[in-house]
C-alpha cells in the first residue's frame, strides 16, 4: 500500500515537472520569436541608421561578450540569494522589451545600446532559468527535459524571422527603414506572450526546487575534478564549432549557394537542431555521456563536408552534421551539469559553464576566421581536431563516472 502511494506521488511529481518544462519551453518559443526575429535584421538596421560595418561587428561582439560574462555573476548571485525567479524576470524583461523599442530609434547609437541590453538580459536570466529547469528535467530524464525545451526554443527561432519577414513584406511601401521599424514594433506581441506564460509559470510553480526534493538528487555537494574535466572538453567543443555566419560567408564567397537560399539552409539547420536535440537528449537518458561522445564525433564531420566540398548534396550533409552539433550543445551539455552538480550549486555551475563556453566559442571563431583567410584546410583541421579532443575529454569523464559509481 505504502509503495503504491509513493509511486503515485512520484508519478504526480513527474507530471508536474513535465508541465513546467513545457511551459518554460513555450516561454522560449515566444522569446526566441522576439529576439531571434530581431537579430536577423539588426545588422542591416544599424546600417540604415548610419553605422559602419566596424560598428555592426563591434556591437554584435560586445553584446555577446557582455552577455556571457554576466552569466558567471548572475549564476553566483542566483545561488547566493535563491532569487531564481527574480533574476529570470529581470533578464527576460531586458531580453524582450528592448526589441520593440528599436522601432522608436532614430540614431544608431541608441539602437546599438538596445541591442547590447538585449544580450545583457539573456546573460542575466540564463543561469537561474537553467537551474530551475534542471530540477524539473531531473524528474523526467535530464536529457529529454532539456531537449524538449530546446525543441520548442528552436521552433520559435524558425518562426521569428518568418514572422518578421511577413510583417516587412506587408509594409514594404514604407521603405526599408519604415518596414523594419514596423516589424520591430510587431515583435512586441510575442514578447508579451512570453512574459504572460512566464508569469503563469511563476504563479503555478513558485519553487521549482521542490521537484527534485521528491526524486533523485545529485550526490555531489561541491565541484570536483569531473566538472573540471567536463569544462575542458566543453572548451574544445566550443572552440572547434564554427558560427553559421562563417558558413554563410563561405557559401556566398565561392558561389556555392545563392544568397536567397542561404536562409533556407539555415532554417534546415535549425530544424535538424530541434530534431537532434530530442533524439540525443532521449539517448542521453539511456546511455549517458556516450551520447555526448557520439554527437561530438558526428558534429566533427561538418567542417570537411561544408568547407571542402563543391557538391550541394555533400554541403547539405555537412549542414546536417552542424545541426546535430547545435542540438547536442543545447540539450545534452546542460543535462550533464544537472546530473553532475548538486542543486545548491547548480546556477553557479551553469554560470561558469556558459561564461567559459562563450569565451571558447569567441576565441575559436576568431581563430577559424583567421585560418580561413590563410588556408581553408587549416580551418578544417583545427575544427575536426578540437572536437575530437573534446570527445576524448568526455570519454575520460565517462570513465571517471563509472569509477565513482563503483566506489559508491
Protein backbone atom coordinates (compact mmCIF):
# COMPACT_ATOMS: atom_id res chain seq x y z
CA UNK A 1 0.00 0.00 0.00
CA UNK A 2 2.80 2.36 1.01
CA UNK A 3 4.81 1.57 -2.13
CA UNK A 4 1.74 2.26 -4.29
CA UNK A 5 1.21 5.63 -2.63
CA UNK A 6 4.87 6.56 -3.07
CA UNK A 7 4.72 5.53 -6.73
CA UNK A 8 1.61 7.64 -7.33
CA UNK A 9 3.26 10.61 -5.61
CA UNK A 10 6.38 10.23 -7.74
CA UNK A 11 4.29 9.96 -10.92
CA UNK A 12 2.47 13.16 -9.96
CA UNK A 13 5.83 14.92 -9.45
CA UNK A 14 6.93 13.75 -12.90
CA UNK A 15 3.69 15.01 -14.45
CA UNK A 16 4.05 18.41 -12.81
CA UNK A 17 7.72 18.59 -13.79
CA UNK A 18 6.85 17.86 -17.43
CA UNK A 19 4.17 20.57 -17.36
CA UNK A 20 6.73 23.05 -16.02
CA UNK A 21 9.21 22.11 -18.76
CA UNK A 22 6.56 22.59 -21.45
CA UNK A 23 5.55 25.96 -20.01
CA UNK A 24 9.15 27.15 -19.96
CA UNK A 25 9.55 25.77 -23.47
CA UNK A 26 6.61 27.90 -24.62
CA UNK A 27 8.29 30.90 -22.98
CA UNK A 28 11.39 30.05 -25.03
CA UNK A 29 9.30 29.73 -28.18
CA UNK A 30 7.80 33.23 -27.87
CA UNK A 31 11.01 34.83 -26.61
CA UNK A 32 13.02 33.33 -29.48
CA UNK A 33 10.42 34.62 -31.91
CA UNK A 34 11.10 38.06 -30.45
CA UNK A 35 14.87 38.34 -30.23
CA UNK A 36 15.90 35.87 -32.94
CA UNK A 37 13.50 37.58 -35.29
CA UNK A 38 15.09 40.92 -34.43
CA UNK A 39 18.66 39.59 -34.65
CA UNK A 40 18.04 38.59 -38.26
CA UNK A 41 17.76 42.32 -39.11
CA UNK A 42 19.77 44.25 -36.51
CA UNK A 43 22.83 44.41 -38.78
CA UNK A 44 21.02 45.90 -41.78
CA UNK A 45 19.01 48.18 -39.46
CA UNK A 46 22.16 49.63 -37.89
CA UNK A 47 23.49 50.20 -41.40
CA UNK A 48 20.34 52.09 -42.42
CA UNK A 49 20.75 54.29 -39.35
CA UNK A 50 24.27 55.20 -40.45
CA UNK A 51 26.50 52.71 -38.60
CA UNK A 52 29.65 51.39 -40.29
CA UNK A 53 30.48 47.71 -40.80
CA UNK A 54 33.03 48.02 -37.99
CA UNK A 55 30.34 49.31 -35.62
CA UNK A 56 27.96 46.49 -36.58
CA UNK A 57 30.63 43.88 -35.86
CA UNK A 58 31.70 45.62 -32.65
CA UNK A 59 28.14 45.84 -31.32
CA UNK A 60 27.45 42.17 -32.07
CA UNK A 61 30.72 41.01 -30.49
CA UNK A 62 30.46 43.30 -27.47
CA UNK A 63 26.87 42.26 -26.81
CA UNK A 64 27.77 38.56 -26.84
CA UNK A 65 30.85 39.11 -24.67
CA UNK A 66 28.96 41.10 -22.02
CA UNK A 67 26.08 38.62 -22.13
CA UNK A 68 28.34 35.65 -21.47
CA UNK A 69 30.38 37.47 -18.82
CA UNK A 70 27.19 38.36 -16.92
CA UNK A 71 26.22 34.69 -16.73
CA UNK A 72 29.01 33.99 -14.27
CA UNK A 73 27.92 36.82 -11.97
CA UNK A 74 24.20 36.08 -12.26
CA UNK A 75 24.79 32.38 -11.58
CA UNK A 76 26.71 33.15 -8.39
CA UNK A 77 24.04 35.65 -7.32
CA UNK A 78 21.21 33.21 -8.02
CA UNK A 79 22.71 30.51 -5.79
CA UNK A 80 23.58 33.01 -3.07
CA UNK A 81 20.15 34.68 -2.89
CA UNK A 82 17.94 31.84 -4.20
CA UNK A 83 16.02 34.54 -6.12
CA UNK A 84 15.87 32.44 -9.29
CA UNK A 85 12.53 33.79 -10.44
CA UNK A 86 13.52 37.43 -9.81
CA UNK A 87 16.64 37.14 -11.96
CA UNK A 88 14.67 35.29 -14.61
CA UNK A 89 12.03 38.05 -14.79
CA UNK A 90 14.62 40.84 -14.84
CA UNK A 91 16.55 39.07 -17.59
CA UNK A 92 13.53 38.34 -19.75
CA UNK A 93 12.25 41.91 -19.38
CA UNK A 94 15.52 43.29 -20.74
CA UNK A 95 15.89 40.49 -23.26
CA UNK A 96 12.44 41.01 -24.78
CA UNK A 97 11.22 44.57 -24.34
CA UNK A 98 14.36 46.22 -25.70
CA UNK A 99 13.43 44.71 -29.10
CA UNK A 100 10.23 46.69 -29.85
CA UNK A 101 11.96 49.86 -28.61
CA UNK A 102 14.19 49.54 -31.68
CA UNK A 103 11.18 50.76 -33.66
CA UNK A 104 11.44 54.14 -31.90
CA UNK A 105 15.12 54.79 -32.50
CA UNK A 106 16.42 57.31 -35.00
CA UNK A 107 20.12 57.07 -34.13
CA UNK A 108 22.39 54.05 -34.45
CA UNK A 109 23.97 54.79 -31.05
CA UNK A 110 20.64 54.23 -29.28
CA UNK A 111 19.89 51.15 -31.37
CA UNK A 112 23.34 49.75 -30.51
CA UNK A 113 22.68 50.31 -26.80
CA UNK A 114 19.35 48.44 -27.05
CA UNK A 115 20.97 45.54 -28.91
CA UNK A 116 23.63 45.21 -26.21
CA UNK A 117 20.96 45.43 -23.47
CA UNK A 118 19.06 42.60 -25.14
CA UNK A 119 22.15 40.37 -24.86
CA UNK A 120 22.66 41.51 -21.26
CA UNK A 121 19.13 40.40 -20.44
CA UNK A 122 19.81 36.91 -21.73
CA UNK A 123 23.00 36.78 -19.71
CA UNK A 124 21.19 37.75 -16.51
CA UNK A 125 18.40 35.18 -16.83
CA UNK A 126 20.23 32.17 -18.29
CA UNK A 127 21.88 30.51 -15.23
CA UNK A 128 18.86 31.00 -12.94
CA UNK A 129 16.49 29.74 -15.61
CA UNK A 130 18.65 26.70 -16.44
CA UNK A 131 18.93 25.87 -12.74
CA UNK A 132 15.14 25.90 -12.34
CA UNK A 133 14.77 23.83 -15.47
CA UNK A 134 17.26 21.27 -14.16
CA UNK A 135 15.11 20.50 -11.12
CA UNK A 136 12.21 19.53 -13.35
CA UNK A 137 14.36 17.89 -16.01
CA UNK A 138 15.91 15.51 -13.49
CA UNK A 139 12.44 14.07 -12.85
CA UNK A 140 11.65 13.20 -16.48
CA UNK A 141 15.20 12.49 -17.65
CA UNK A 142 17.64 15.39 -17.82
CA UNK A 143 18.42 14.78 -21.49
CA UNK A 144 14.78 14.62 -22.56
CA UNK A 145 13.77 17.58 -20.36
CA UNK A 146 16.34 19.96 -21.81
CA UNK A 147 15.81 18.54 -25.30
CA UNK A 148 12.06 19.21 -25.19
CA UNK A 149 12.70 22.80 -24.15
CA UNK A 150 15.29 23.16 -26.91
CA UNK A 151 12.82 21.78 -29.49
CA UNK A 152 10.28 24.48 -28.62
CA UNK A 153 13.07 27.06 -28.44
CA UNK A 154 14.21 26.26 -31.98
CA UNK A 155 10.64 26.32 -33.24
CA UNK A 156 10.50 29.93 -32.08
CA UNK A 157 13.89 30.63 -33.67
CA UNK A 158 12.48 29.50 -37.01
CA UNK A 159 9.12 31.26 -36.66
CA UNK A 160 10.56 34.60 -35.54
CA UNK A 161 12.40 35.55 -38.74
CA UNK A 162 9.46 34.25 -40.83
CA UNK A 163 7.02 36.38 -38.80
CA UNK A 164 9.25 39.42 -39.19
CA UNK A 165 9.67 38.81 -42.93
CA UNK A 166 5.88 38.67 -43.31
CA UNK A 167 5.37 41.96 -41.46
CA UNK A 168 8.10 43.66 -43.51
CA UNK A 169 6.69 42.41 -46.81
CA UNK A 170 3.21 43.68 -45.88
CA UNK A 171 4.70 47.09 -45.06
CA UNK A 172 7.15 47.22 -47.97
CA UNK A 173 5.62 50.51 -49.10
CA UNK A 174 7.14 52.25 -46.09
CA UNK A 175 10.66 51.65 -47.43
CA UNK A 176 13.35 49.57 -45.75
CA UNK A 177 13.71 51.76 -42.67
CA UNK A 178 9.97 52.16 -42.15
CA UNK A 179 9.16 48.50 -42.73
CA UNK A 180 11.95 47.39 -40.37
CA UNK A 181 10.58 49.66 -37.66
CA UNK A 182 7.08 48.29 -38.19
CA UNK A 183 8.50 44.76 -37.92
CA UNK A 184 10.27 45.50 -34.63
CA UNK A 185 7.08 47.06 -33.27
CA UNK A 186 5.07 43.92 -34.06
CA UNK A 187 7.61 41.81 -32.15
CA UNK A 188 6.03 43.28 -29.02
CA UNK A 189 3.26 40.67 -29.48
CA UNK A 190 5.38 37.52 -28.91
CA UNK A 191 7.28 39.41 -26.17
CA UNK A 192 4.03 39.96 -24.26
CA UNK A 193 3.02 36.33 -24.79
CA UNK A 194 6.36 35.14 -23.42
CA UNK A 195 6.03 37.27 -20.29
CA UNK A 196 2.41 36.16 -19.79
CA UNK A 197 3.37 32.46 -19.87
CA UNK A 198 6.37 33.17 -17.64
CA UNK A 199 4.11 34.90 -15.10
CA UNK A 200 1.69 31.96 -15.18
CA UNK A 201 4.60 29.56 -14.62
CA UNK A 202 5.77 31.60 -11.63
CA UNK A 203 2.29 31.52 -10.08
CA UNK A 204 1.79 27.81 -10.69
CA UNK A 205 5.32 26.70 -9.72
CA UNK A 206 6.78 29.27 -7.29
CA UNK A 207 9.52 26.90 -6.02
CA UNK A 208 10.79 24.63 -8.85
CA UNK A 209 13.45 23.30 -6.46
CA UNK A 210 10.70 21.22 -4.86
CA UNK A 211 10.59 18.96 -7.93
CA UNK A 212 13.92 17.47 -7.01
CA UNK A 213 13.15 17.03 -3.33
CA UNK A 214 10.68 14.31 -4.29
CA UNK A 215 13.01 12.36 -6.51
CA UNK A 216 16.63 11.63 -7.25
CA UNK A 217 19.03 14.34 -6.11
CA UNK A 218 22.62 14.64 -7.21
CA UNK A 219 25.02 13.34 -4.59
CA UNK A 220 27.68 15.95 -5.33
CA UNK A 221 27.77 18.82 -2.83
CA UNK A 222 30.65 20.68 -4.47
CA UNK A 223 32.57 20.97 -7.71
CA UNK A 224 35.17 18.26 -8.22
CA UNK A 225 37.73 17.19 -10.81
CA UNK A 226 34.97 15.74 -13.00
CA UNK A 227 33.46 19.19 -13.52
CA UNK A 228 36.92 20.50 -14.44
CA UNK A 229 37.31 17.67 -16.98
CA UNK A 230 33.91 18.50 -18.40
CA UNK A 231 34.73 22.19 -18.77
CA UNK A 232 38.00 21.30 -20.54
CA UNK A 233 36.06 19.20 -23.04
CA UNK A 234 33.49 21.97 -23.47
CA UNK A 235 36.27 24.45 -24.29
CA UNK A 236 37.49 22.34 -27.19
CA UNK A 237 33.93 21.58 -28.34
CA UNK A 238 33.01 25.28 -28.45
CA UNK A 239 36.30 26.40 -29.99
CA UNK A 240 36.06 23.91 -32.83
CA UNK A 241 32.46 24.66 -33.75
CA UNK A 242 32.02 27.37 -36.40
CA UNK A 243 29.34 30.07 -36.33
CA UNK A 244 26.79 29.82 -39.14
CA UNK A 245 27.73 33.31 -40.44
CA UNK A 246 31.13 31.85 -41.37
CA UNK A 247 29.38 29.03 -43.23
CA UNK A 248 27.13 31.54 -44.99
CA UNK A 249 30.13 33.72 -45.86
CA UNK A 250 31.84 30.69 -47.40
CA UNK A 251 28.74 29.72 -49.42
CA UNK A 252 28.41 33.23 -50.82
CA UNK A 253 32.12 33.87 -51.47
CA UNK A 254 32.54 30.70 -53.51
CA UNK A 255 29.04 30.96 -55.02
CA UNK A 256 28.14 27.51 -53.73
CA UNK A 257 24.63 28.54 -52.69
CA UNK A 258 22.70 31.60 -53.85
CA UNK A 259 22.21 34.42 -51.37
CA UNK A 260 18.45 33.92 -51.36
CA UNK A 261 18.86 30.23 -50.49
CA UNK A 262 21.26 30.67 -47.57
CA UNK A 263 18.42 31.50 -45.11
CA UNK A 264 16.71 28.28 -46.26
CA UNK A 265 19.88 26.34 -45.46
CA UNK A 266 19.93 27.98 -42.03
CA UNK A 267 16.28 27.05 -41.50
CA UNK A 268 17.19 23.44 -42.38
CA UNK A 269 20.00 23.56 -39.83
CA UNK A 270 17.64 24.85 -37.14
CA UNK A 271 15.18 22.07 -37.95
CA UNK A 272 17.94 19.47 -37.64
CA UNK A 273 18.98 21.16 -34.39
CA UNK A 274 15.48 20.70 -32.95
CA UNK A 275 15.14 17.04 -34.00
CA UNK A 276 18.70 16.19 -32.92
CA UNK A 277 18.10 17.76 -29.52
CA UNK A 278 15.14 15.45 -28.91
CA UNK A 279 16.91 12.35 -30.23
CA UNK A 280 20.21 12.82 -28.41
CA UNK A 281 18.50 14.12 -25.29
CA UNK A 282 16.48 10.92 -25.04
CA UNK A 283 19.59 8.89 -25.91
CA UNK A 284 21.49 10.62 -23.09
CA UNK A 285 18.91 9.39 -20.58
CA UNK A 286 19.58 5.83 -21.78
CA UNK A 287 23.35 5.70 -22.30
CA UNK A 288 24.65 8.83 -20.56
CA UNK A 289 27.86 10.50 -21.69
CA UNK A 290 28.29 8.07 -24.58
CA UNK A 291 25.57 10.04 -26.39
CA UNK A 292 27.63 13.25 -25.99
CA UNK A 293 30.68 11.47 -27.37
CA UNK A 294 28.65 10.24 -30.34
CA UNK A 295 27.12 13.64 -31.12
CA UNK A 296 30.56 15.29 -30.85
CA UNK A 297 32.08 12.77 -33.27
CA UNK A 298 29.24 13.38 -35.73
CA UNK A 299 29.48 17.17 -35.47
CA UNK A 300 33.25 16.97 -36.07
CA UNK A 301 32.40 15.88 -39.63
CA UNK A 302 30.64 19.11 -40.58
CA UNK A 303 33.77 21.10 -41.49
CA UNK A 304 35.15 18.74 -44.18
CA UNK A 305 31.74 18.45 -45.85
CA UNK A 306 30.93 22.17 -45.65
CA UNK A 307 34.29 23.77 -46.41
CA UNK A 308 35.99 21.27 -48.73
CA UNK A 309 33.09 20.23 -50.95
CA UNK A 310 31.57 21.90 -54.00
CA UNK A 311 28.67 19.45 -54.17
CA UNK A 312 25.34 20.77 -52.89
CA UNK A 313 24.42 17.31 -51.58
CA UNK A 314 27.65 16.99 -49.59
CA UNK A 315 27.27 20.54 -48.29
CA UNK A 316 23.76 19.74 -47.06
CA UNK A 317 25.13 16.62 -45.34
CA UNK A 318 27.69 18.87 -43.65
CA UNK A 319 24.96 21.27 -42.55
CA UNK A 320 23.07 18.30 -41.08
CA UNK A 321 26.15 17.36 -39.04
CA UNK A 322 26.39 21.02 -37.98
CA UNK A 323 22.74 20.98 -36.87
CA UNK A 324 23.37 17.78 -34.88
CA UNK A 325 26.19 19.54 -33.05
CA UNK A 326 23.98 22.53 -32.27
CA UNK A 327 21.17 20.32 -30.98
CA UNK A 328 23.50 18.40 -28.68
CA UNK A 329 25.07 21.60 -27.35
CA UNK A 330 21.69 22.99 -26.36
CA UNK A 331 20.39 19.83 -24.69
CA UNK A 332 22.95 17.23 -23.59
CA UNK A 333 25.61 19.66 -22.39
CA UNK A 334 23.15 21.25 -19.96
CA UNK A 335 21.77 17.87 -18.91
CA UNK A 336 25.25 16.69 -17.87
CA UNK A 337 25.51 19.58 -15.39
CA UNK A 338 22.06 18.76 -14.00
CA UNK A 339 23.33 15.24 -13.20
CA UNK A 340 26.84 16.23 -12.13
CA UNK A 341 26.25 19.20 -9.79
CA UNK A 342 24.07 19.44 -6.69
CA UNK A 343 21.02 21.70 -6.68
CA UNK A 344 22.64 24.13 -4.24
CA UNK A 345 25.49 24.97 -6.65
CA UNK A 346 23.84 24.44 -9.99
CA UNK A 347 23.15 28.05 -11.03
CA UNK A 348 26.80 28.84 -10.26
CA UNK A 349 27.85 25.85 -12.35
CA UNK A 350 25.68 26.99 -15.27
CA UNK A 351 27.13 30.48 -14.95
CA UNK A 352 30.71 29.15 -15.05
CA UNK A 353 29.84 26.79 -17.90
CA UNK A 354 28.18 29.49 -20.02
CA UNK A 355 30.98 32.00 -19.48
CA UNK A 356 33.71 29.52 -20.40
CA UNK A 357 31.69 28.20 -23.33
CA UNK A 358 31.14 31.73 -24.65
CA UNK A 359 34.82 32.69 -24.29
CA UNK A 360 35.99 29.49 -26.01
CA UNK A 361 33.41 29.99 -28.79
CA UNK A 362 34.58 33.59 -29.31
CA UNK A 363 38.28 32.69 -29.41
CA UNK A 364 37.66 29.66 -31.63
CA UNK A 365 35.53 31.68 -34.04
CA UNK A 366 38.19 34.38 -34.29
CA UNK A 367 40.90 31.76 -34.92
CA UNK A 368 38.82 29.96 -37.55
CA UNK A 369 38.19 33.25 -39.34
CA UNK A 370 41.95 33.90 -39.32
CA UNK A 371 42.70 30.39 -40.61
CA UNK A 372 40.02 30.71 -43.31
CA UNK A 373 41.80 33.75 -44.74
CA UNK A 374 45.05 31.74 -44.88
CA UNK A 375 44.05 28.25 -45.98
CA UNK A 376 40.65 26.63 -45.62
CA UNK A 377 42.24 23.24 -44.95
CA UNK A 378 43.79 24.70 -41.76
CA UNK A 379 40.34 25.72 -40.53
CA UNK A 380 39.01 22.23 -41.25
CA UNK A 381 41.91 20.54 -39.44
CA UNK A 382 41.51 22.79 -36.40
CA UNK A 383 37.75 22.21 -36.23
CA UNK A 384 37.98 18.44 -36.52
CA UNK A 385 40.92 18.03 -34.12
CA UNK A 386 39.40 20.33 -31.48
CA UNK A 387 36.14 18.37 -31.45
CA UNK A 388 37.97 15.02 -31.36
CA UNK A 389 39.92 16.27 -28.33
CA UNK A 390 36.57 17.26 -26.76
CA UNK A 391 35.25 13.74 -27.36
CA UNK A 392 38.40 12.37 -25.68
CA UNK A 393 37.78 14.51 -22.59
CA UNK A 394 34.18 13.29 -22.48
CA UNK A 395 35.44 9.70 -22.67
CA UNK A 396 37.75 10.29 -19.69
CA UNK A 397 34.83 11.84 -17.80
CA UNK A 398 32.72 8.80 -18.67
CA UNK A 399 35.40 6.52 -17.19
CA UNK A 400 35.63 8.68 -14.06
CA UNK A 401 31.86 8.49 -13.62
CA UNK A 402 32.00 4.71 -13.84
CA UNK A 403 34.70 4.60 -11.16
CA UNK A 404 32.71 6.94 -8.92
CA UNK A 405 29.59 4.76 -9.22
CA UNK A 406 31.57 1.62 -8.40
CA UNK A 407 33.13 3.28 -5.37
CA UNK A 408 29.72 4.34 -4.05
